Amino acid sequence: MVIQLNDTPGYPLVMRGFYYCARMISEQYGTVFADEHYEKIQKVYSIWIC
């Protein structure tokens, strides 16, 4: 979990959200799924509190 305290960090916050979701999915490779078994990828959720 990451908390963003700066509301103007110098980059789009939505892109940061996409990056973290993609990173959580890629961390599953080798533990949850391997090779081309993409059907085993678990859902990833991102909750934004504004």
PDB file of N, CA and C in Angstrom:
ATOM      1  N   MET A   1       0.846  -1.178   0.000  1.00  0.00           N
ATOM      2  CA  MET A   1       0.000   0.000   0.000  1.00  0.00           C
ATOM      3  C   MET A   1       0.886   1.233   0.000  1.00  0.00           C
ATOM      4  N   VAL A   2       0.517   2.176  -0.841  1.00  0.00           N
ATOM      5  CA  VAL A   2       1.274   3.417  -0.949  1.00  0.00           C
ATOM      6  C   VAL A   2       0.336   4.588  -0.719  1.00  0.00           C
ATOM      7  N   ILE A   3       0.770   5.517   0.086  1.00  0.00           N
ATOM      8  CA  ILE A   3      -0.034   6.704   0.345  1.00  0.00           C
ATOM      9  C   ILE A   3       0.642   7.891  -0.326  1.00  0.00           C
ATOM     10  N   GLN A   4      -0.100   8.584  -1.185  1.00  0.00           N
ATOM     11  CA  GLN A   4       0.413   9.765  -1.871  1.00  0.00           C
ATOM     12  C   GLN A   4       0.015  10.989  -1.070  1.00  0.00           C
ATOM     13  N   LEU A   5       0.967  11.690  -0.480  1.00  0.00           N
ATOM     14  CA  LEU A   5       0.672  12.853   0.347  1.00  0.00           C
ATOM     15  C   LEU A   5       0.732  14.163  -0.431  1.00  0.00           C
ATOM     16  N   ASN A   6       1.428  14.184  -1.539  1.00  0.00           N
ATOM     17  CA  ASN A   6       1.579  15.386  -2.341  1.00  0.00           C
ATOM     18  C   ASN A   6       0.542  15.363  -3.460  1.00  0.00           C
ATOM     19  N   ASP A   7      -0.340  16.378  -3.513  1.00  0.00           N
ATOM     20  CA  ASP A   7      -1.382  16.374  -4.543  1.00  0.00           C
ATOM     21  C   ASP A   7      -0.886  16.912  -5.887  1.00  0.00           C
ATOM     22  N   THR A   8       0.323  17.429  -5.968  1.00  0.00           N
ATOM     23  CA  THR A   8       0.927  17.870  -7.230  1.00  0.00           C
ATOM     24  C   THR A   8       2.360  17.349  -7.306  1.00  0.00           C
ATOM     25  N   PRO A   9       2.549  16.049  -7.541  1.00  0.00           N
ATOM     26  CA  PRO A   9       3.890  15.474  -7.503  1.00  0.00           C
ATOM     27  C   PRO A   9       4.733  15.717  -8.752  1.00  0.00           C
ATOM     28  N   GLY A  10       4.163  16.306  -9.809  1.00  0.00           N
ATOM     29  CA  GLY A  10       4.937  16.553 -11.023  1.00  0.00           C
ATOM     30  C   GLY A  10       4.720  15.501 -12.101  1.00  0.00           C
ATOM     31  N   TYR A  11       3.823  14.586 -11.902  1.00  0.00           N
ATOM     32  CA  TYR A  11       3.456  13.572 -12.887  1.00  0.00           C
ATOM     33  C   TYR A  11       1.983  13.246 -12.680  1.00  0.00           C
ATOM     34  N   PRO A  12       1.312  12.703 -13.714  1.00  0.00           N
ATOM     35  CA  PRO A  12      -0.115  12.395 -13.568  1.00  0.00           C
ATOM     36  C   PRO A  12      -0.357  11.278 -12.546  1.00  0.00           C
ATOM     37  N   LEU A  13      -1.199  11.538 -11.556  1.00  0.00           N
ATOM     38  CA  LEU A  13      -1.473  10.548 -10.521  1.00  0.00           C
ATOM     39  C   LEU A  13      -2.168   9.307 -11.087  1.00  0.00           C
ATOM     40  N   VAL A  14      -2.990   9.485 -12.128  1.00  0.00           N
ATOM     41  CA  VAL A  14      -3.660   8.334 -12.733  1.00  0.00           C
ATOM     42  C   VAL A  14      -2.628   7.379 -13.327  1.00  0.00           C
ATOM     43  N   MET A  15      -1.591   7.917 -13.958  1.00  0.00           N
ATOM     44  CA  MET A  15      -0.539   7.066 -14.518  1.00  0.00           C
ATOM     45  C   MET A  15       0.174   6.290 -13.408  1.00  0.00           C
ATOM     46  N   ARG A  16       0.359   6.926 -12.269  1.00  0.00           N
ATOM     47  CA  ARG A  16       0.969   6.236 -11.136  1.00  0.00           C
ATOM     48  C   ARG A  16       0.085   5.078 -10.689  1.00  0.00           C
ATOM     49  N   GLY A  17      -1.237   5.290 -10.678  1.00  0.00           N
ATOM     50  CA  GLY A  17      -2.178   4.225 -10.328  1.00  0.00           C
ATOM     51  C   GLY A  17      -2.080   3.058 -11.292  1.00  0.00           C
ATOM     52  N   PHE A  18      -2.022   3.355 -12.598  1.00  0.00           N
ATOM     53  CA  PHE A  18      -1.865   2.296 -13.598  1.00  0.00           C
ATOM     54  C   PHE A  18      -0.568   1.531 -13.381  1.00  0.00           C
ATOM     55  N   TYR A  19       0.500   2.265 -13.081  1.00  0.00           N
ATOM     56  CA  TYR A  19       1.808   1.652 -12.863  1.00  0.00           C
ATOM     57  C   TYR A  19       1.756   0.671 -11.688  1.00  0.00           C
ATOM     58  N   TYR A  20       1.162   1.087 -10.568  1.00  0.00           N
ATOM     59  CA  TYR A  20       1.114   0.213  -9.394  1.00  0.00           C
ATOM     60  C   TYR A  20       0.249  -1.018  -9.636  1.00  0.00           C
ATOM     61  N   CYS A  21      -0.868  -0.858 -10.354  1.00  0.00           N
ATOM     62  CA  CYS A  21      -1.702  -2.022 -10.680  1.00  0.00           C
ATOM     63  C   CYS A  21      -0.942  -2.987 -11.583  1.00  0.00           C
ATOM     64  N   ALA A  22      -0.259  -2.450 -12.582  1.00  0.00           N
ATOM     65  CA  ALA A  22       0.526  -3.301 -13.483  1.00  0.00           C
ATOM     66  C   ALA A  22       1.630  -4.015 -12.716  1.00  0.00           C
ATOM     67  N   ARG A  23       2.239  -3.329 -11.768  1.00  0.00           N
ATOM     68  CA  ARG A  23       3.300  -3.942 -10.969  1.00  0.00           C
ATOM     69  C   ARG A  23       2.763  -5.069 -10.099  1.00  0.00           C
ATOM     70  N   MET A  24       1.553  -4.883  -9.531  1.00  0.00           N
ATOM     71  CA  MET A  24       0.961  -5.939  -8.714  1.00  0.00           C
ATOM     72  C   MET A  24       0.639  -7.174  -9.563  1.00  0.00           C
ATOM     73  N   ILE A  25       0.222  -6.951 -10.798  1.00  0.00           N
ATOM     74  CA  ILE A  25      -0.055  -8.079 -11.693  1.00  0.00           C
ATOM     75  C   ILE A  25       1.240  -8.772 -12.077  1.00  0.00           C
ATOM     76  N   SER A  26       2.265  -8.014 -12.432  1.00  0.00           N
ATOM     77  CA  SER A  26       3.520  -8.635 -12.865  1.00  0.00           C
ATOM     78  C   SER A  26       4.213  -9.379 -11.726  1.00  0.00           C
ATOM     79  N   GLU A  27       3.966  -8.991 -10.475  1.00  0.00           N
ATOM     80  CA  GLU A  27       4.548  -9.704  -9.334  1.00  0.00           C
ATOM     81  C   GLU A  27       3.969 -11.109  -9.177  1.00  0.00           C
ATOM     82  N   GLN A  28       2.828 -11.366  -9.818  1.00  0.00           N
ATOM     83  CA  GLN A  28       2.207 -12.685  -9.740  1.00  0.00           C
ATOM     84  C   GLN A  28       2.924 -13.708 -10.634  1.00  0.00           C
ATOM     85  N   TYR A  29       3.694 -13.223 -11.604  1.00  0.00           N
ATOM     86  CA  TYR A  29       4.361 -14.130 -12.527  1.00  0.00           C
ATOM     87  C   TYR A  29       5.369 -15.005 -11.773  1.00  0.00           C
ATOM     88  N   GLY A  30       5.259 -16.289 -11.961  1.00  0.00           N
ATOM     89  CA  GLY A  30       6.165 -17.233 -11.313  1.00  0.00           C
ATOM     90  C   GLY A  30       5.625 -17.785 -10.005  1.00  0.00           C
ATOM     91  N   THR A  31       4.663 -17.080  -9.399  1.00  0.00           N
ATOM     92  CA  THR A  31       4.079 -17.598  -8.154  1.00  0.00           C
ATOM     93  C   THR A  31       2.621 -18.006  -8.362  1.00  0.00           C
ATOM     94  N   VAL A  32       1.847 -17.188  -9.075  1.00  0.00           N
ATOM     95  CA  VAL A  32       0.440 -17.472  -9.318  1.00  0.00           C
ATOM     96  C   VAL A  32       0.244 -18.094 -10.692  1.00  0.00           C
ATOM     97  N   PHE A  33       0.966 -17.570 -11.678  1.00  0.00           N
ATOM     98  CA  PHE A  33       0.882 -18.119 -13.030  1.00  0.00           C
ATOM     99  C   PHE A  33       2.279 -18.181 -13.632  1.00  0.00           C
ATOM    100  N   ALA A  34       2.426 -19.008 -14.642  1.00  0.00           N
ATOM    101  CA  ALA A  34       3.706 -19.143 -15.331  1.00  0.00           C
ATOM    102  C   ALA A  34       3.443 -19.369 -16.814  1.00  0.00           C
ATOM    103  N   ASP A  35       4.462 -19.115 -17.597  1.00  0.00           N
ATOM    104  CA  ASP A  35       4.400 -19.250 -19.046  1.00  0.00           C
ATOM    105  C   ASP A  35       3.232 -18.427 -19.598  1.00  0.00           C
ATOM    106  N   GLU A  36       2.326 -19.056 -20.323  1.00  0.00           N
ATOM    107  CA  GLU A  36       1.219 -18.328 -20.943  1.00  0.00           C
ATOM    108  C   GLU A  36      -0.123 -18.669 -20.304  1.00  0.00           C
ATOM    109  N   HIS A  37      -0.131 -19.018 -19.027  1.00  0.00           N
ATOM    110  CA  HIS A  37      -1.368 -19.357 -18.319  1.00  0.00           C
ATOM    111  C   HIS A  37      -1.969 -18.099 -17.688  1.00  0.00           C
ATOM    112  N   TYR A  38      -2.366 -17.165 -18.555  1.00  0.00           N
ATOM    113  CA  TYR A  38      -2.881 -15.879 -18.088  1.00  0.00           C
ATOM    114  C   TYR A  38      -4.235 -15.999 -17.406  1.00  0.00           C
ATOM    115  N   GLU A  39      -4.928 -17.108 -17.606  1.00  0.00           N
ATOM    116  CA  GLU A  39      -6.233 -17.277 -16.969  1.00  0.00           C
ATOM    117  C   GLU A  39      -6.108 -17.419 -15.454  1.00  0.00           C
ATOM    118  N   LYS A  40      -4.912 -17.654 -14.953  1.00  0.00           N
ATOM    119  CA  LYS A  40      -4.693 -17.809 -13.518  1.00  0.00           C
ATOM    120  C   LYS A  40      -4.356 -16.499 -12.804  1.00  0.00           C
ATOM    121  N   ILE A  41      -4.252 -15.412 -13.567  1.00  0.00           N
ATOM    122  CA  ILE A  41      -3.935 -14.127 -12.948  1.00  0.00           C
ATOM    123  C   ILE A  41      -5.077 -13.719 -12.022  1.00  0.00           C
ATOM    124  N   GLN A  42      -4.727 -13.315 -10.828  1.00  0.00           N
ATOM    125  CA  GLN A  42      -5.724 -12.884  -9.847  1.00  0.00           C
ATOM    126  C   GLN A  42      -6.073 -11.414 -10.062  1.00  0.00           C
ATOM    127  N   LYS A  43      -7.273 -11.034  -9.677  1.00  0.00           N
ATOM    128  CA  LYS A  43      -7.713  -9.653  -9.824  1.00  0.00           C
ATOM    129  C   LYS A  43      -6.880  -8.732  -8.948  1.00  0.00           C
ATOM    130  N   VAL A  44      -6.714  -7.522  -9.423  1.00  0.00           N
ATOM    131  CA  VAL A  44      -5.993  -6.475  -8.691  1.00  0.00           C
ATOM    132  C   VAL A  44      -6.925  -5.291  -8.531  1.00  0.00           C
ATOM    133  N   TYR A  45      -6.997  -4.739  -7.338  1.00  0.00           N
ATOM    134  CA  TYR A  45      -7.874  -3.611  -7.065  1.00  0.00           C
ATOM    135  C   TYR A  45      -7.044  -2.413  -6.614  1.00  0.00           C
ATOM    136  N   SER A  46      -7.470  -1.253  -7.033  1.00  0.00           N
ATOM    137  CA  SER A  46      -6.837  -0.014  -6.608  1.00  0.00           C
ATOM    138  C   SER A  46      -7.927   0.870  -6.025  1.00  0.00           C
ATOM    139  N   ILE A  47      -7.771   1.288  -4.782  1.00  0.00           N
ATOM    140  CA  ILE A  47      -8.770   2.107  -4.105  1.00  0.00           C
ATOM    141  C   ILE A  47      -8.187   3.511  -3.912  1.00  0.00           C
ATOM    142  N   TRP A  48      -8.910   4.481  -4.403  1.00  0.00           N
ATOM    143  CA  TRP A  48      -8.464   5.876  -4.314  1.00  0.00           C
ATOM    144  C   TRP A  48      -9.405   6.611  -3.357  1.00  0.00           C
ATOM    145  N   ILE A  49      -8.862   7.204  -2.343  1.00  0.00           N
ATOM    146  CA  ILE A  49      -9.650   8.008  -1.402  1.00  0.00           C
ATOM    147  C   ILE A  49      -9.209   9.465  -1.588  1.00  0.00           C
ATOM    148  N   CYS A  50     -10.137  10.250  -2.035  1.00  0.00           N
ATOM    149  CA  CYS A  50      -9.816  11.665  -2.318  1.00  0.00           C
ATOM    150  C   CYS A  50     -10.524  12.568  -1.339  1.00  0.00           C
TER     151      CYS A  50
END
